[in-house]
Each structure stands twice: as C-alpha cells, then as structure tokens.
C-alpha cells in the first residue's frame, strides 16, 4: 500500500516538473522571439 502511494506521488511529481519545464521553455522561446523582433 505504502509503496504504491509513493509510486503515485513520484509519478505526479515528475509529471508536474515536466509540465513546469515545458512552460519555462515556452516562455523562454516566446521571450527570445520577441527580443529578436525588438532588435
């Protein structure tokens, strides 16, 4: 029981981190694009 819960928790953490990373990359990409347009 405890192990299964730990596994679920770890999976959720990893999924959230990946989502966060994707959002950061998108933000950086958008900022990068607008910086190029400004120059």
Foldseek 3Di string as FASTA:
>chain_A
DVVVVVVVVVVVVVVVVVVVVVVVVVVVVVVVVVVVVVD
